[in-house]
Protein backbone atom coordinates (compact mmCIF):
# COMPACT_ATOMS: atom_id res chain seq x y z
CA MET A 1 -13.57 15.56 -29.48
CA ASP A 2 -11.21 12.27 -29.51
CA ALA A 3 -10.52 10.44 -26.21
CA PRO A 4 -7.00 11.88 -25.66
CA TYR A 5 -7.74 15.52 -25.58
CA TYR A 6 -10.18 14.60 -22.24
CA LEU A 7 -6.80 14.25 -20.72
CA PHE A 8 -5.91 17.34 -21.56
CA ALA A 9 -8.99 19.02 -20.43
CA LEU A 10 -8.24 17.47 -17.26
CA GLY A 11 -4.98 18.86 -16.76
CA ILE A 12 -6.68 22.38 -18.10
CA VAL A 13 -9.19 22.18 -14.78
CA LEU A 14 -6.43 20.43 -12.72
CA CYS A 15 -4.02 23.62 -12.82
CA GLY A 16 -6.84 25.99 -13.27
CA VAL A 17 -8.22 24.96 -9.80
CA THR A 18 -4.23 24.57 -8.19
CA ILE A 19 -3.07 28.00 -8.88
CA PRO A 20 -5.27 30.14 -7.04
CA PHE A 21 -4.93 27.17 -3.95
CA ILE A 22 -0.78 27.70 -4.51
CA VAL A 23 -1.57 31.81 -4.71
CA ILE A 24 -3.45 31.22 -1.08
CA ARG A 25 -1.10 28.92 0.63
CA ALA A 26 1.62 31.35 -0.64
CA HIS A 27 0.05 34.41 0.68
CA ARG A 28 -0.66 32.67 4.10
CA SER A 29 2.47 31.27 4.80
CA LYS A 30 4.07 34.19 3.32
CA GLU A 31 7.19 31.98 1.33
CA LYS A 32 7.80 33.98 -1.93
CA ALA A 33 9.10 30.23 -2.85
CA TYR A 34 5.46 28.92 -3.80
CA TYR A 35 4.96 31.75 -6.53
CA MET A 36 7.36 29.03 -8.72
CA GLY A 37 4.82 26.23 -8.42
CA VAL A 38 1.88 29.26 -9.80
CA LEU A 39 4.43 30.03 -12.69
CA VAL A 40 4.69 26.06 -13.54
CA SER A 41 0.81 25.68 -12.93
CA GLY A 42 0.34 28.71 -15.51
CA LEU A 43 2.76 27.29 -18.29
CA MET A 44 1.59 24.04 -17.93
CA LEU A 45 -2.01 25.55 -18.09
CA LEU A 46 -0.89 27.40 -21.64
CA ALA A 47 0.58 24.16 -22.78
CA PHE A 48 -2.41 22.27 -22.19
CA ILE A 49 -4.58 25.26 -24.03
CA SER A 50 -2.06 24.68 -26.69
CA VAL A 51 -3.31 21.55 -27.63
CA PHE A 52 -6.57 22.43 -27.96
CA LEU A 53 -5.50 25.16 -30.43
CA LEU A 54 -3.14 22.57 -32.19
CA GLN A 55 0.13 24.48 -31.68
CA PHE A 56 1.84 21.27 -30.65
CA ALA A 57 5.29 23.37 -30.85
CA LEU A 58 4.03 25.16 -28.26
CA PHE A 59 2.58 23.05 -26.23
CA LEU A 60 6.49 21.01 -26.30
CA VAL A 61 8.39 24.46 -25.34
CA PHE A 62 5.65 25.21 -22.43
CA VAL A 63 6.56 21.87 -21.04
CA ALA A 64 10.13 21.96 -21.37
CA VAL A 65 9.53 25.41 -19.78
CA ALA A 66 7.99 24.17 -16.86
CA PHE A 67 10.29 21.16 -16.14
CA ILE A 68 13.89 23.47 -16.23
CA ILE A 69 11.64 25.79 -13.36
CA SER A 70 10.39 22.84 -11.65
CA LEU A 71 14.21 21.74 -11.38
CA VAL A 72 15.67 24.24 -10.87
CA SER A 73 13.19 25.83 -7.99
CA PHE A 74 12.59 22.09 -6.37
CA PRO A 75 15.44 22.72 -3.91
CA ILE A 76 14.09 26.25 -3.10
CA ILE A 77 10.37 24.97 -2.50
CA ARG A 78 11.59 22.07 -0.83
CA GLU A 79 13.80 24.46 1.60
CA ALA A 80 10.42 26.56 1.85
CA ALA A 81 7.96 23.60 2.68
CA GLN A 82 10.34 22.78 5.83
CA ARG A 83 10.11 25.63 7.27
CA GLU A 84 6.72 25.93 7.00
CA ALA A 85 6.46 22.44 8.90
CA ALA A 86 8.75 23.21 11.20
CA LYS A 87 6.54 26.48 12.16
CA GLN A 88 3.65 24.39 12.19
CA GLN A 89 5.20 21.87 14.22
CA ARG A 90 5.97 24.68 17.07
CA GLU A 91 2.60 25.53 16.62
CA THR A 92 1.11 22.37 17.08
CA ASN A 93 -0.81 21.61 20.39
CA VAL A 94 -1.14 18.13 20.44
CA THR A 95 -3.61 18.01 23.35
CA GLU A 96 -5.96 19.45 21.18
CA PRO A 97 -8.43 16.53 19.95
CA LEU A 98 -7.71 15.51 16.22
CA LYS A 99 -9.48 17.22 13.43
CA ALA A 100 -10.09 15.76 9.82
CA ARG A 101 -9.10 18.75 8.20
CA GLU A 102 -5.96 18.77 10.40
CA LEU A 103 -4.48 15.88 8.20
CA LEU A 104 -4.42 18.38 5.02
CA TRP A 105 -1.83 20.08 7.35
CA TRP A 106 1.40 19.25 9.23
CA LYS A 107 -0.44 19.49 12.17
CA GLY A 108 -2.51 16.61 12.16
CA TRP A 109 0.22 14.24 11.16
CA TYR A 110 2.23 15.90 14.17
CA LYS A 111 -0.42 14.51 16.52
CA LEU A 112 -0.83 11.23 14.79
CA ALA A 113 2.77 10.12 14.95
CA LEU A 114 2.89 11.54 18.47
CA ARG A 115 0.05 9.34 19.45
CA TRP A 116 0.22 6.55 17.45
CA GLY A 117 4.28 6.44 16.64
CA VAL A 118 5.55 7.20 12.78
CA PRO A 119 5.13 3.59 11.61
CA LYS A 120 1.67 4.39 12.18
CA THR A 121 1.10 7.32 10.89
CA MET A 122 3.53 6.71 7.95
CA GLY A 123 1.39 3.50 7.11
CA LEU A 124 -2.21 5.89 7.04
CA TYR A 125 -0.01 8.51 4.92
CA VAL A 126 1.07 5.80 2.19
CA LEU A 127 -3.12 4.27 2.42
CA LEU A 128 -4.25 7.82 1.91
CA ASN A 129 -1.51 8.92 -1.08
CA PHE A 130 -2.70 5.76 -2.70
CA GLY A 131 -6.43 5.68 -2.30
CA ILE A 132 -6.66 9.18 -4.32
CA ILE A 133 -3.87 8.05 -6.99
CA VAL A 134 -5.11 4.33 -7.69
CA PRO A 135 -8.58 5.40 -8.34
CA VAL A 136 -7.93 8.17 -10.65
CA LEU A 137 -4.94 5.81 -12.01
CA LEU A 138 -7.96 3.36 -12.85
CA VAL A 139 -10.89 5.39 -14.17
CA LEU A 140 -8.23 6.41 -17.23
CA SER A 141 -7.43 2.90 -17.58
CA ILE A 142 -11.38 2.14 -17.87
CA MET A 143 -11.73 4.83 -20.65
CA GLY A 144 -8.88 3.04 -22.28
CA PHE A 145 -5.22 4.85 -22.01
CA SER A 146 -2.07 2.81 -21.50
CA ILE A 147 -1.32 3.58 -17.89
CA ILE A 148 1.70 1.85 -17.05
CA SER A 149 3.56 4.89 -16.93
CA GLY A 150 0.92 6.76 -14.54
CA TYR A 151 1.60 3.79 -12.48
CA LEU A 152 5.37 4.02 -12.43
CA ALA A 153 5.26 7.49 -11.99
CA ALA A 154 2.93 7.30 -8.93
CA ILE A 155 5.31 4.91 -7.45
CA ILE A 156 7.88 7.32 -8.67
CA VAL A 157 5.90 10.24 -6.56
CA GLU A 158 4.90 7.96 -3.65
CA VAL A 159 8.42 6.83 -2.49
CA ILE A 160 9.76 10.55 -2.72
CA LEU A 161 6.91 12.06 -0.31
CA ILE A 162 7.16 8.92 2.19
CA VAL A 163 10.80 9.86 2.37
CA GLN A 164 10.06 13.44 2.41
CA PHE A 165 7.08 12.54 5.30
CA TYR A 166 9.66 10.35 7.08
CA GLN A 167 12.22 13.00 7.25
CA GLN A 168 10.05 15.79 8.36
CA ILE A 169 8.23 13.76 11.16
CA LYS A 170 11.49 12.53 13.02
CA LYS A 171 12.99 16.23 12.46
CA ASN A 172 12.26 16.70 16.00
CA PRO A 173 12.11 13.25 18.20
CA SER A 174 10.76 14.85 21.28
CA LYS A 175 7.73 15.51 19.97
CA ALA A 176 7.45 12.77 17.36
CA THR A 177 8.47 9.15 18.75
């Protein structure tokens, strides 16, 4: 197996792992919009599998359809995520101690924003995101992959996440100042 195929194998594993998590999240939050993420992940899973079957035209079709669905469903999923975050914000008891696992959800970030303030909370958010993204990109570069576009994509995604995070945290100024 050539080295580039490892990336496609990684894609198969990541898509295969994320699909059940998205289904569980959609079921628990009762947001049907999250099932669009399942569809996109499923299409990408099929795209990565098609590379191993040497069906490159099929790969391009799956990626193109996944991209179009992602673009079309982005506003719908963003609204659903905002509704879920607002619900979690209302349900958050900021007097309870912060648990590390709460940082996987909005509840923990709201508690931190109230205790530390928004700038420090955003700083931690950025550090954690880059703490995950940079090692992955470094491993890929050590494996010999040219990842300049990976760094560029990571920066773009990080900027979008920071803007969305800031907007959500600042939505209710009485809770997070």
